[in-house]
Amino acid sequence: MRSLSVGAVIVALLLSAVALSGATAIEHADTVADHVVDMSSWSATRIAAYRNRAPLKQKPEAILRIPSIGLVVPVFAGTSPEILDQAAGRIERTSPFGASGNTGIAAHRDGFFRALRNVKVGDVLQVDLPDATVSYRIVSTRIVDPSETGVLRATTEPTITLVTCYPFYFAGSAPQRFIVRATRAPNAEDIRLSRAHG
């Protein structure tokens, strides 16, 4: 069996007849035999970077999903070019997954996060962690200047902030940032999966 990169996680979730979540998805990151990532809206530069990527030597911290727009992407610690060429990254100095506070996630606007152009307030955002799947509800989207780092400021409630360059189809270095803010969903939408039962 050939060695696979984290892109296999994405297709495992998309193509599997049984929905994988939490630790199951993370544990299966290296065991999927083949995969296909929908790059139909990606730029040629991003496709080339993804295809020429070097496998990461770490496992993802989480899997980010927004079902309404078909987004499924592994999230690693950090935002190095190596990470962002093949996944999303948890922004340095933001809250870790599973903790209270603001967890910032970045990805390229011409790759995985291009799908964010179709996101709407009210959409569900899910984070698969090793011990649970936690649901959030998107409460706002906005466009800011790159200097507006306050979007990553600590919060008292569990929050996910997605950050990507904007406009989505801008040629060259994009002048703004597209921000998606999601807060923890009410208990009825919070899906806790006990690994002891699975």
N, C-alpha and C. Protein backbone atom coordinates (compact mmCIF):
# COMPACT_ATOMS: atom_id res chain seq x y z
N MET A 1 0.84 -1.17 0.00
CA MET A 1 0.00 0.00 0.00
C MET A 1 0.89 1.23 0.00
N ARG A 2 0.59 2.22 -0.86
CA ARG A 2 1.42 3.40 -0.93
C ARG A 2 1.14 4.35 0.22
N SER A 3 2.12 5.17 0.57
CA SER A 3 1.96 6.15 1.63
C SER A 3 1.11 7.31 1.13
N LEU A 4 0.21 7.78 1.97
CA LEU A 4 -0.71 8.84 1.55
C LEU A 4 -0.54 10.08 2.41
N SER A 5 -0.89 11.21 1.83
CA SER A 5 -0.86 12.47 2.56
C SER A 5 -2.22 12.72 3.22
N VAL A 6 -2.34 13.85 3.87
CA VAL A 6 -3.58 14.18 4.57
C VAL A 6 -4.75 14.41 3.64
N GLY A 7 -4.52 14.62 2.36
CA GLY A 7 -5.62 14.76 1.42
C GLY A 7 -6.52 13.55 1.45
N ALA A 8 -5.98 12.41 1.84
CA ALA A 8 -6.79 11.19 1.95
C ALA A 8 -7.91 11.35 2.97
N VAL A 9 -7.67 12.18 3.98
CA VAL A 9 -8.71 12.40 4.99
C VAL A 9 -9.96 12.98 4.35
N ILE A 10 -9.75 13.93 3.45
CA ILE A 10 -10.87 14.61 2.83
C ILE A 10 -11.74 13.64 2.07
N VAL A 11 -11.12 12.82 1.26
CA VAL A 11 -11.90 11.91 0.45
C VAL A 11 -12.50 10.79 1.27
N ALA A 12 -11.81 10.39 2.31
CA ALA A 12 -12.39 9.37 3.18
C ALA A 12 -13.74 9.85 3.71
N LEU A 13 -13.80 11.12 4.04
CA LEU A 13 -15.05 11.67 4.55
C LEU A 13 -16.07 11.87 3.44
N LEU A 14 -15.61 12.26 2.25
CA LEU A 14 -16.53 12.53 1.15
C LEU A 14 -17.05 11.28 0.49
N LEU A 15 -16.22 10.27 0.34
CA LEU A 15 -16.59 9.09 -0.44
C LEU A 15 -17.06 7.92 0.39
N SER A 16 -16.81 7.95 1.67
CA SER A 16 -17.19 6.84 2.52
C SER A 16 -18.70 6.70 2.62
N ALA A 17 -19.20 5.51 2.55
CA ALA A 17 -20.64 5.28 2.68
C ALA A 17 -21.08 5.51 4.12
N VAL A 18 -20.16 5.34 5.04
CA VAL A 18 -20.46 5.59 6.44
C VAL A 18 -19.73 6.85 6.83
N ALA A 19 -20.44 7.84 7.37
CA ALA A 19 -19.81 9.10 7.75
C ALA A 19 -18.85 8.86 8.90
N LEU A 20 -17.60 9.26 8.69
CA LEU A 20 -16.60 9.17 9.75
C LEU A 20 -16.60 10.47 10.51
N SER A 21 -16.33 10.43 11.79
CA SER A 21 -16.25 11.66 12.56
C SER A 21 -15.25 11.50 13.69
N GLY A 22 -14.88 12.63 14.27
CA GLY A 22 -13.99 12.65 15.43
C GLY A 22 -12.72 11.87 15.22
N ALA A 23 -12.34 11.11 16.22
CA ALA A 23 -11.09 10.36 16.17
C ALA A 23 -11.09 9.37 15.02
N THR A 24 -12.25 8.85 14.66
CA THR A 24 -12.30 7.88 13.58
C THR A 24 -11.72 8.48 12.31
N ALA A 25 -12.13 9.69 11.95
CA ALA A 25 -11.62 10.33 10.75
C ALA A 25 -10.13 10.59 10.88
N ILE A 26 -9.70 11.07 12.03
CA ILE A 26 -8.29 11.36 12.23
C ILE A 26 -7.47 10.09 12.19
N GLU A 27 -7.96 9.02 12.81
CA GLU A 27 -7.23 7.75 12.82
C GLU A 27 -7.12 7.15 11.42
N HIS A 28 -8.11 7.39 10.55
CA HIS A 28 -8.09 6.83 9.21
C HIS A 28 -7.34 7.70 8.21
N ALA A 29 -6.72 8.77 8.64
CA ALA A 29 -6.04 9.69 7.74
C ALA A 29 -4.98 9.00 6.91
N ASP A 30 -4.31 8.01 7.46
CA ASP A 30 -3.22 7.36 6.76
C ASP A 30 -3.60 6.00 6.17
N THR A 31 -4.87 5.62 6.23
CA THR A 31 -5.22 4.28 5.78
C THR A 31 -6.09 4.23 4.54
N VAL A 32 -6.45 5.36 3.98
CA VAL A 32 -7.27 5.37 2.78
C VAL A 32 -6.38 5.06 1.59
N ALA A 33 -6.83 4.13 0.76
CA ALA A 33 -5.99 3.65 -0.34
C ALA A 33 -5.88 4.65 -1.49
N ASP A 34 -6.89 5.41 -1.77
CA ASP A 34 -6.85 6.36 -2.87
C ASP A 34 -7.79 7.51 -2.55
N HIS A 35 -7.62 8.63 -3.22
CA HIS A 35 -8.49 9.76 -2.93
C HIS A 35 -8.62 10.70 -4.11
N VAL A 36 -9.66 11.51 -4.05
CA VAL A 36 -9.93 12.55 -5.03
C VAL A 36 -10.36 13.78 -4.25
N VAL A 37 -9.73 14.89 -4.51
CA VAL A 37 -10.12 16.15 -3.90
C VAL A 37 -10.73 17.00 -5.01
N ASP A 38 -11.92 17.55 -4.76
CA ASP A 38 -12.57 18.39 -5.76
C ASP A 38 -11.83 19.72 -5.86
N MET A 39 -11.08 19.88 -6.93
CA MET A 39 -10.31 21.10 -7.15
C MET A 39 -10.93 21.93 -8.27
N SER A 40 -12.18 21.67 -8.60
CA SER A 40 -12.81 22.32 -9.75
C SER A 40 -12.85 23.84 -9.64
N SER A 41 -12.85 24.40 -8.44
CA SER A 41 -12.87 25.86 -8.30
C SER A 41 -11.51 26.43 -7.90
N TRP A 42 -10.50 25.57 -7.77
CA TRP A 42 -9.17 26.02 -7.33
C TRP A 42 -8.41 26.70 -8.47
N SER A 43 -7.46 27.54 -8.11
CA SER A 43 -6.58 28.15 -9.10
C SER A 43 -5.54 27.12 -9.56
N ALA A 44 -4.99 27.35 -10.73
CA ALA A 44 -3.95 26.44 -11.26
C ALA A 44 -2.74 26.41 -10.34
N THR A 45 -2.39 27.55 -9.77
CA THR A 45 -1.25 27.62 -8.85
C THR A 45 -1.49 26.76 -7.61
N ARG A 46 -2.71 26.83 -7.05
CA ARG A 46 -3.02 26.07 -5.85
C ARG A 46 -3.07 24.58 -6.15
N ILE A 47 -3.60 24.20 -7.31
CA ILE A 47 -3.64 22.78 -7.70
C ILE A 47 -2.22 22.24 -7.80
N ALA A 48 -1.33 23.00 -8.44
CA ALA A 48 0.06 22.56 -8.58
C ALA A 48 0.73 22.42 -7.21
N ALA A 49 0.50 23.39 -6.32
CA ALA A 49 1.09 23.31 -4.97
C ALA A 49 0.58 22.10 -4.23
N TYR A 50 -0.72 21.80 -4.35
CA TYR A 50 -1.30 20.65 -3.66
C TYR A 50 -0.72 19.34 -4.21
N ARG A 51 -0.62 19.24 -5.52
CA ARG A 51 -0.11 18.01 -6.14
C ARG A 51 1.36 17.78 -5.86
N ASN A 52 2.13 18.85 -5.66
CA ASN A 52 3.58 18.74 -5.44
C ASN A 52 3.97 18.80 -3.97
N ARG A 53 3.00 18.71 -3.08
CA ARG A 53 3.26 18.86 -1.65
C ARG A 53 4.09 17.70 -1.10
N ALA A 54 4.80 17.99 -0.03
CA ALA A 54 5.53 16.96 0.71
C ALA A 54 4.63 16.51 1.85
N PRO A 55 4.57 15.21 2.12
CA PRO A 55 3.71 14.73 3.22
C PRO A 55 4.12 15.37 4.55
N LEU A 56 3.13 15.75 5.32
CA LEU A 56 3.39 16.30 6.64
C LEU A 56 3.73 15.18 7.61
N LYS A 57 4.54 15.48 8.60
CA LYS A 57 4.97 14.48 9.58
C LYS A 57 4.15 14.55 10.85
N GLN A 58 3.01 15.20 10.80
CA GLN A 58 2.13 15.31 11.96
C GLN A 58 0.72 14.92 11.56
N LYS A 59 -0.08 14.61 12.54
CA LYS A 59 -1.49 14.29 12.29
C LYS A 59 -2.31 15.56 12.46
N PRO A 60 -3.46 15.65 11.80
CA PRO A 60 -4.29 16.84 11.98
C PRO A 60 -4.83 16.91 13.40
N GLU A 61 -5.04 18.14 13.86
CA GLU A 61 -5.65 18.35 15.17
C GLU A 61 -7.17 18.13 15.09
N ALA A 62 -7.73 18.38 13.92
CA ALA A 62 -9.18 18.31 13.76
C ALA A 62 -9.52 18.19 12.28
N ILE A 63 -10.78 17.90 12.02
CA ILE A 63 -11.34 17.95 10.68
C ILE A 63 -12.44 19.01 10.72
N LEU A 64 -12.35 19.99 9.84
CA LEU A 64 -13.35 21.06 9.75
C LEU A 64 -14.33 20.70 8.64
N ARG A 65 -15.63 20.79 8.96
CA ARG A 65 -16.66 20.50 7.96
C ARG A 65 -17.73 21.59 7.98
N ILE A 66 -18.13 22.02 6.79
CA ILE A 66 -19.32 22.87 6.63
C ILE A 66 -20.16 22.17 5.57
N PRO A 67 -21.11 21.34 6.00
CA PRO A 67 -21.87 20.51 5.06
C PRO A 67 -22.61 21.29 3.97
N SER A 68 -23.12 22.46 4.28
CA SER A 68 -23.92 23.23 3.31
C SER A 68 -23.13 23.65 2.08
N ILE A 69 -21.81 23.74 2.19
CA ILE A 69 -20.98 24.13 1.05
C ILE A 69 -20.02 23.03 0.62
N GLY A 70 -20.16 21.85 1.23
CA GLY A 70 -19.32 20.71 0.86
C GLY A 70 -17.86 20.84 1.29
N LEU A 71 -17.58 21.65 2.30
CA LEU A 71 -16.20 21.83 2.74
C LEU A 71 -15.84 20.77 3.77
N VAL A 72 -14.76 20.06 3.51
CA VAL A 72 -14.18 19.10 4.45
C VAL A 72 -12.67 19.26 4.32
N VAL A 73 -12.01 19.63 5.41
CA VAL A 73 -10.57 19.87 5.34
C VAL A 73 -9.91 19.55 6.68
N PRO A 74 -8.78 18.84 6.65
CA PRO A 74 -8.04 18.62 7.89
C PRO A 74 -7.39 19.93 8.35
N VAL A 75 -7.28 20.08 9.66
CA VAL A 75 -6.68 21.29 10.23
C VAL A 75 -5.47 20.87 11.07
N PHE A 76 -4.32 21.46 10.74
CA PHE A 76 -3.07 21.18 11.44
C PHE A 76 -2.69 22.37 12.30
N ALA A 77 -1.77 22.15 13.24
CA ALA A 77 -1.26 23.24 14.07
C ALA A 77 -0.29 24.08 13.25
N GLY A 78 -0.59 25.37 13.10
CA GLY A 78 0.30 26.26 12.40
C GLY A 78 -0.17 26.60 10.99
N THR A 79 0.47 27.62 10.42
CA THR A 79 0.07 28.10 9.10
C THR A 79 1.27 28.21 8.16
N SER A 80 2.18 27.28 8.27
CA SER A 80 3.34 27.29 7.38
C SER A 80 2.89 27.04 5.94
N PRO A 81 3.70 27.44 4.96
CA PRO A 81 3.36 27.15 3.56
C PRO A 81 3.14 25.66 3.32
N GLU A 82 3.91 24.81 3.99
CA GLU A 82 3.76 23.36 3.81
C GLU A 82 2.38 22.89 4.25
N ILE A 83 1.88 23.44 5.34
CA ILE A 83 0.54 23.09 5.82
C ILE A 83 -0.52 23.64 4.88
N LEU A 84 -0.43 24.92 4.56
CA LEU A 84 -1.48 25.56 3.76
C LEU A 84 -1.49 25.09 2.31
N ASP A 85 -0.42 24.45 1.84
CA ASP A 85 -0.45 23.88 0.49
C ASP A 85 -1.33 22.64 0.41
N GLN A 86 -1.68 22.05 1.57
CA GLN A 86 -2.45 20.81 1.52
C GLN A 86 -3.59 20.71 2.51
N ALA A 87 -3.83 21.76 3.30
CA ALA A 87 -4.86 21.68 4.34
C ALA A 87 -5.15 23.08 4.86
N ALA A 88 -5.80 23.14 6.01
CA ALA A 88 -5.99 24.39 6.74
C ALA A 88 -5.08 24.34 7.97
N GLY A 89 -4.84 25.50 8.56
CA GLY A 89 -3.98 25.55 9.73
C GLY A 89 -4.61 26.34 10.86
N ARG A 90 -4.41 25.83 12.10
CA ARG A 90 -4.86 26.60 13.27
C ARG A 90 -3.85 27.71 13.48
N ILE A 91 -4.35 28.94 13.51
CA ILE A 91 -3.50 30.11 13.59
C ILE A 91 -2.81 30.16 14.95
N GLU A 92 -1.51 30.41 14.90
CA GLU A 92 -0.69 30.48 16.10
C GLU A 92 -1.28 31.47 17.10
N ARG A 93 -1.17 31.14 18.36
CA ARG A 93 -1.62 31.96 19.49
C ARG A 93 -3.14 32.14 19.54
N THR A 94 -3.90 31.27 18.87
CA THR A 94 -5.35 31.25 19.08
C THR A 94 -5.66 30.01 19.92
N SER A 95 -6.85 29.97 20.47
CA SER A 95 -7.23 28.88 21.39
C SER A 95 -7.12 27.52 20.72
N PRO A 96 -6.65 26.52 21.45
CA PRO A 96 -6.63 25.16 20.90
C PRO A 96 -8.06 24.63 20.77
N PHE A 97 -8.23 23.63 19.93
CA PHE A 97 -9.54 23.01 19.78
C PHE A 97 -9.99 22.41 21.11
N GLY A 98 -11.28 22.53 21.39
CA GLY A 98 -11.84 21.96 22.60
C GLY A 98 -11.79 22.87 23.80
N ALA A 99 -11.10 24.00 23.68
CA ALA A 99 -11.00 24.95 24.79
C ALA A 99 -11.94 26.12 24.55
N SER A 100 -12.28 26.82 25.62
CA SER A 100 -13.04 28.05 25.45
C SER A 100 -12.14 29.07 24.78
N GLY A 101 -12.74 30.00 24.10
CA GLY A 101 -11.96 31.04 23.44
C GLY A 101 -12.13 30.99 21.94
N ASN A 102 -11.31 31.75 21.26
CA ASN A 102 -11.40 31.94 19.82
C ASN A 102 -10.33 31.11 19.11
N THR A 103 -10.75 30.12 18.34
CA THR A 103 -9.84 29.28 17.56
C THR A 103 -9.83 29.80 16.13
N GLY A 104 -8.69 30.29 15.68
CA GLY A 104 -8.56 30.82 14.33
C GLY A 104 -8.06 29.74 13.39
N ILE A 105 -8.67 29.67 12.20
CA ILE A 105 -8.28 28.69 11.19
C ILE A 105 -8.09 29.43 9.87
N ALA A 106 -6.95 29.20 9.22
CA ALA A 106 -6.65 29.84 7.94
C ALA A 106 -6.46 28.78 6.86
N ALA A 107 -6.82 29.17 5.63
CA ALA A 107 -6.54 28.35 4.45
C ALA A 107 -6.57 29.29 3.24
N HIS A 108 -6.05 28.81 2.13
CA HIS A 108 -5.96 29.65 0.94
C HIS A 108 -7.32 29.89 0.30
N ARG A 109 -7.52 31.12 -0.20
CA ARG A 109 -8.75 31.53 -0.85
C ARG A 109 -8.92 30.89 -2.22
N ASP A 110 -7.83 30.43 -2.81
CA ASP A 110 -7.90 29.82 -4.13
C ASP A 110 -7.77 28.30 -4.05
N GLY A 111 -7.96 27.77 -2.83
CA GLY A 111 -7.92 26.32 -2.59
C GLY A 111 -9.12 25.92 -1.76
N PHE A 112 -8.87 25.27 -0.63
CA PHE A 112 -9.96 24.76 0.20
C PHE A 112 -10.97 25.84 0.61
N PHE A 113 -10.50 27.03 0.99
CA PHE A 113 -11.42 28.05 1.49
C PHE A 113 -12.12 28.85 0.39
N ARG A 114 -11.90 28.52 -0.86
CA ARG A 114 -12.70 29.18 -1.90
C ARG A 114 -14.18 28.86 -1.72
N ALA A 115 -14.48 27.71 -1.16
CA ALA A 115 -15.87 27.33 -0.89
C ALA A 115 -16.57 28.32 0.04
N LEU A 116 -15.82 29.06 0.83
CA LEU A 116 -16.43 30.01 1.78
C LEU A 116 -17.21 31.10 1.07
N ARG A 117 -16.99 31.30 -0.21
CA ARG A 117 -17.75 32.33 -0.95
C ARG A 117 -19.24 32.03 -0.94
N ASN A 118 -19.61 30.78 -0.66
CA ASN A 118 -21.02 30.36 -0.66
C ASN A 118 -21.61 30.17 0.73
N VAL A 119 -20.85 30.45 1.77
CA VAL A 119 -21.34 30.22 3.13
C VAL A 119 -22.36 31.30 3.51
N LYS A 120 -23.29 30.91 4.38
CA LYS A 120 -24.34 31.84 4.81
C LYS A 120 -24.44 31.83 6.34
N VAL A 121 -24.83 32.98 6.88
CA VAL A 121 -25.11 33.05 8.31
C VAL A 121 -26.20 32.03 8.62
N GLY A 122 -26.00 31.27 9.69
CA GLY A 122 -26.95 30.22 10.07
C GLY A 122 -26.47 28.83 9.70
N ASP A 123 -25.51 28.73 8.77
CA ASP A 123 -24.98 27.42 8.39
C ASP A 123 -24.28 26.76 9.58
N VAL A 124 -24.30 25.44 9.58
CA VAL A 124 -23.63 24.67 10.63
C VAL A 124 -22.18 24.43 10.23
N LEU A 125 -21.29 24.59 11.18
CA LEU A 125 -19.87 24.29 11.03
C LEU A 125 -19.57 23.22 12.07
N GLN A 126 -18.90 22.15 11.67
CA GLN A 126 -18.58 21.06 12.61
C GLN A 126 -17.08 20.85 12.68
N VAL A 127 -16.62 20.54 13.88
CA VAL A 127 -15.22 20.25 14.12
C VAL A 127 -15.13 18.86 14.71
N ASP A 128 -14.50 17.96 13.97
CA ASP A 128 -14.27 16.59 14.46
C ASP A 128 -12.97 16.58 15.24
N LEU A 129 -13.06 16.22 16.50
CA LEU A 129 -11.91 16.11 17.40
C LEU A 129 -11.69 14.65 17.74
N PRO A 130 -10.58 14.30 18.37
CA PRO A 130 -10.36 12.90 18.72
C PRO A 130 -11.44 12.29 19.60
N ASP A 131 -12.12 13.10 20.43
CA ASP A 131 -13.11 12.54 21.35
C ASP A 131 -14.52 13.04 21.14
N ALA A 132 -14.76 13.90 20.16
CA ALA A 132 -16.09 14.46 19.97
C ALA A 132 -16.19 15.17 18.62
N THR A 133 -17.42 15.35 18.19
CA THR A 133 -17.72 16.26 17.09
C THR A 133 -18.50 17.40 17.71
N VAL A 134 -17.99 18.61 17.54
CA VAL A 134 -18.60 19.78 18.15
C VAL A 134 -19.19 20.65 17.05
N SER A 135 -20.44 21.05 17.23
CA SER A 135 -21.14 21.86 16.24
C SER A 135 -21.14 23.33 16.64
N TYR A 136 -21.00 24.16 15.62
CA TYR A 136 -21.04 25.60 15.76
C TYR A 136 -22.06 26.12 14.75
N ARG A 137 -22.54 27.34 14.96
CA ARG A 137 -23.45 27.99 14.04
C ARG A 137 -22.76 29.26 13.54
N ILE A 138 -22.74 29.46 12.22
CA ILE A 138 -22.11 30.66 11.66
C ILE A 138 -22.99 31.87 11.98
N VAL A 139 -22.37 32.86 12.63
CA VAL A 139 -23.12 34.03 13.08
C VAL A 139 -22.80 35.29 12.28
N SER A 140 -21.67 35.29 11.55
CA SER A 140 -21.36 36.47 10.75
C SER A 140 -20.29 36.16 9.71
N THR A 141 -20.31 36.96 8.66
CA THR A 141 -19.22 36.98 7.68
C THR A 141 -18.92 38.46 7.44
N ARG A 142 -17.67 38.76 7.19
CA ARG A 142 -17.33 40.15 6.89
C ARG A 142 -15.98 40.22 6.19
N ILE A 143 -15.74 41.37 5.61
CA ILE A 143 -14.49 41.62 4.90
C ILE A 143 -13.74 42.69 5.69
N VAL A 144 -12.45 42.43 5.95
CA VAL A 144 -11.63 43.35 6.75
C VAL A 144 -10.30 43.58 6.04
N ASP A 145 -9.60 44.60 6.49
CA ASP A 145 -8.23 44.83 6.03
C ASP A 145 -7.30 43.88 6.79
N PRO A 146 -6.16 43.52 6.20
CA PRO A 146 -5.24 42.59 6.88
C PRO A 146 -4.77 43.09 8.24
N SER A 147 -4.76 44.38 8.45
CA SER A 147 -4.30 44.93 9.73
C SER A 147 -5.32 44.74 10.85
N GLU A 148 -6.54 44.36 10.53
CA GLU A 148 -7.59 44.20 11.54
C GLU A 148 -7.49 42.82 12.20
N THR A 149 -6.50 42.67 13.06
CA THR A 149 -6.25 41.40 13.72
C THR A 149 -7.17 41.15 14.91
N GLY A 150 -8.00 42.13 15.24
CA GLY A 150 -8.94 41.97 16.35
C GLY A 150 -9.92 40.83 16.13
N VAL A 151 -10.08 40.39 14.89
CA VAL A 151 -10.99 39.26 14.63
C VAL A 151 -10.51 38.00 15.33
N LEU A 152 -9.23 37.96 15.69
CA LEU A 152 -8.67 36.79 16.38
C LEU A 152 -8.53 37.00 17.88
N ARG A 153 -9.05 38.10 18.36
CA ARG A 153 -8.99 38.40 19.81
C ARG A 153 -9.69 37.30 20.60
N ALA A 154 -9.21 37.04 21.79
CA ALA A 154 -9.80 36.02 22.66
C ALA A 154 -11.27 36.32 22.92
N THR A 155 -12.05 35.26 23.05
CA THR A 155 -13.47 35.37 23.37
C THR A 155 -13.76 34.56 24.63
N THR A 156 -14.88 34.85 25.28
CA THR A 156 -15.24 34.10 26.47
C THR A 156 -16.00 32.82 26.12
N GLU A 157 -16.65 32.81 24.97
CA GLU A 157 -17.39 31.61 24.55
C GLU A 157 -16.62 30.89 23.45
N PRO A 158 -16.84 29.58 23.32
CA PRO A 158 -16.16 28.82 22.26
C PRO A 158 -16.53 29.39 20.89
N THR A 159 -15.52 29.80 20.14
CA THR A 159 -15.71 30.48 18.86
C THR A 159 -14.72 29.92 17.85
N ILE A 160 -15.16 29.80 16.60
CA ILE A 160 -14.28 29.46 15.50
C ILE A 160 -14.28 30.66 14.56
N THR A 161 -13.08 31.12 14.18
CA THR A 161 -12.95 32.21 13.21
C THR A 161 -12.14 31.69 12.03
N LEU A 162 -12.77 31.69 10.85
CA LEU A 162 -12.10 31.29 9.62
C LEU A 162 -11.57 32.53 8.92
N VAL A 163 -10.34 32.45 8.43
CA VAL A 163 -9.68 33.59 7.80
C VAL A 163 -9.11 33.16 6.46
N THR A 164 -9.42 33.93 5.42
CA THR A 164 -8.82 33.69 4.11
C THR A 164 -8.68 35.02 3.39
N CYS A 165 -7.83 35.06 2.40
CA CYS A 165 -7.66 36.29 1.62
C CYS A 165 -8.89 36.56 0.78
N TYR A 166 -9.06 37.84 0.39
CA TYR A 166 -10.23 38.27 -0.36
C TYR A 166 -9.83 39.42 -1.27
N PRO A 167 -10.40 39.53 -2.45
CA PRO A 167 -11.45 38.73 -3.07
C PRO A 167 -10.98 37.33 -3.46
N PHE A 168 -11.94 36.43 -3.58
CA PHE A 168 -11.61 35.03 -3.84
C PHE A 168 -10.91 34.82 -5.17
N TYR A 169 -11.25 35.62 -6.18
CA TYR A 169 -10.69 35.42 -7.52
C TYR A 169 -9.72 36.54 -7.89
N PHE A 170 -9.14 37.20 -6.93
CA PHE A 170 -8.21 38.30 -7.17
C PHE A 170 -6.89 37.75 -7.71
N ALA A 171 -6.35 38.39 -8.74
CA ALA A 171 -5.04 37.99 -9.27
C ALA A 171 -3.96 38.72 -8.49
N GLY A 172 -3.04 37.98 -7.93
CA GLY A 172 -1.98 38.58 -7.14
C GLY A 172 -2.28 38.51 -5.66
N SER A 173 -1.56 39.31 -4.89
CA SER A 173 -1.73 39.33 -3.44
C SER A 173 -3.04 40.05 -3.09
N ALA A 174 -3.95 39.34 -2.48
CA ALA A 174 -5.28 39.89 -2.19
C ALA A 174 -5.19 40.99 -1.13
N PRO A 175 -5.94 42.10 -1.33
CA PRO A 175 -5.82 43.25 -0.43
C PRO A 175 -6.65 43.17 0.85
N GLN A 176 -7.55 42.20 0.96
CA GLN A 176 -8.42 42.13 2.13
C GLN A 176 -8.51 40.70 2.65
N ARG A 177 -9.26 40.53 3.75
CA ARG A 177 -9.47 39.21 4.34
C ARG A 177 -10.97 38.97 4.49
N PHE A 178 -11.39 37.72 4.20
CA PHE A 178 -12.77 37.30 4.39
C PHE A 178 -12.82 36.54 5.71
N ILE A 179 -13.71 36.94 6.59
CA ILE A 179 -13.79 36.39 7.94
C ILE A 179 -15.15 35.72 8.13
N VAL A 180 -15.12 34.50 8.63
CA VAL A 180 -16.34 33.78 9.00
C VAL A 180 -16.26 33.51 10.50
N ARG A 181 -17.28 33.92 11.24
CA ARG A 181 -17.30 33.73 12.69
C ARG A 181 -18.43 32.75 13.03
N ALA A 182 -18.11 31.75 13.84
CA ALA A 182 -19.10 30.76 14.28
C ALA A 182 -18.98 30.60 15.79
N THR A 183 -20.12 30.46 16.45
CA THR A 183 -20.12 30.23 17.89
C THR A 183 -20.74 28.87 18.17
N ARG A 184 -20.42 28.34 19.32
CA ARG A 184 -20.88 27.03 19.73
C ARG A 184 -22.39 26.93 19.60
N ALA A 185 -22.86 25.87 18.97
CA ALA A 185 -24.29 25.66 18.76
C ALA A 185 -24.95 25.28 20.08
N PRO A 186 -26.26 25.51 20.18
CA PRO A 186 -26.99 25.07 21.38
C PRO A 186 -26.79 23.57 21.59
N ASN A 187 -27.02 23.13 22.82
CA ASN A 187 -26.80 21.73 23.18
C ASN A 187 -27.48 20.75 22.25
N ALA A 188 -28.64 21.09 21.72
CA ALA A 188 -29.36 20.17 20.83
C ALA A 188 -28.57 19.88 19.57
N GLU A 189 -27.67 20.78 19.18
CA GLU A 189 -26.88 20.58 17.96
C GLU A 189 -25.48 20.10 18.25
N ASP A 190 -25.12 20.02 19.52
CA ASP A 190 -23.79 19.60 19.90
C ASP A 190 -23.73 18.09 19.91
N ILE A 191 -22.96 17.52 19.02
CA ILE A 191 -22.91 16.07 18.87
C ILE A 191 -21.70 15.55 19.62
N ARG A 192 -21.95 14.90 20.73
CA ARG A 192 -20.86 14.31 21.51
C ARG A 192 -20.77 12.82 21.19
N LEU A 193 -19.64 12.39 20.77
CA LEU A 193 -19.45 10.99 20.43
C LEU A 193 -18.47 10.36 21.41
N SER A 194 -18.92 9.46 22.18
CA SER A 194 -18.03 8.79 23.12
C SER A 194 -17.26 7.71 22.40
N ARG A 195 -15.96 7.76 22.46
CA ARG A 195 -15.13 6.74 21.80
C ARG A 195 -15.22 5.41 22.55
N ALA A 196 -15.72 5.46 23.78
CA ALA A 196 -15.89 4.22 24.54
C ALA A 196 -17.04 3.40 23.97
N HIS A 197 -17.99 4.05 23.30
CA HIS A 197 -19.13 3.36 22.74
C HIS A 197 -18.92 3.01 21.27
N GLY A 198 -17.83 3.41 20.68
CA GLY A 198 -17.64 3.20 19.25
C GLY A 198 -16.53 2.30 19.02
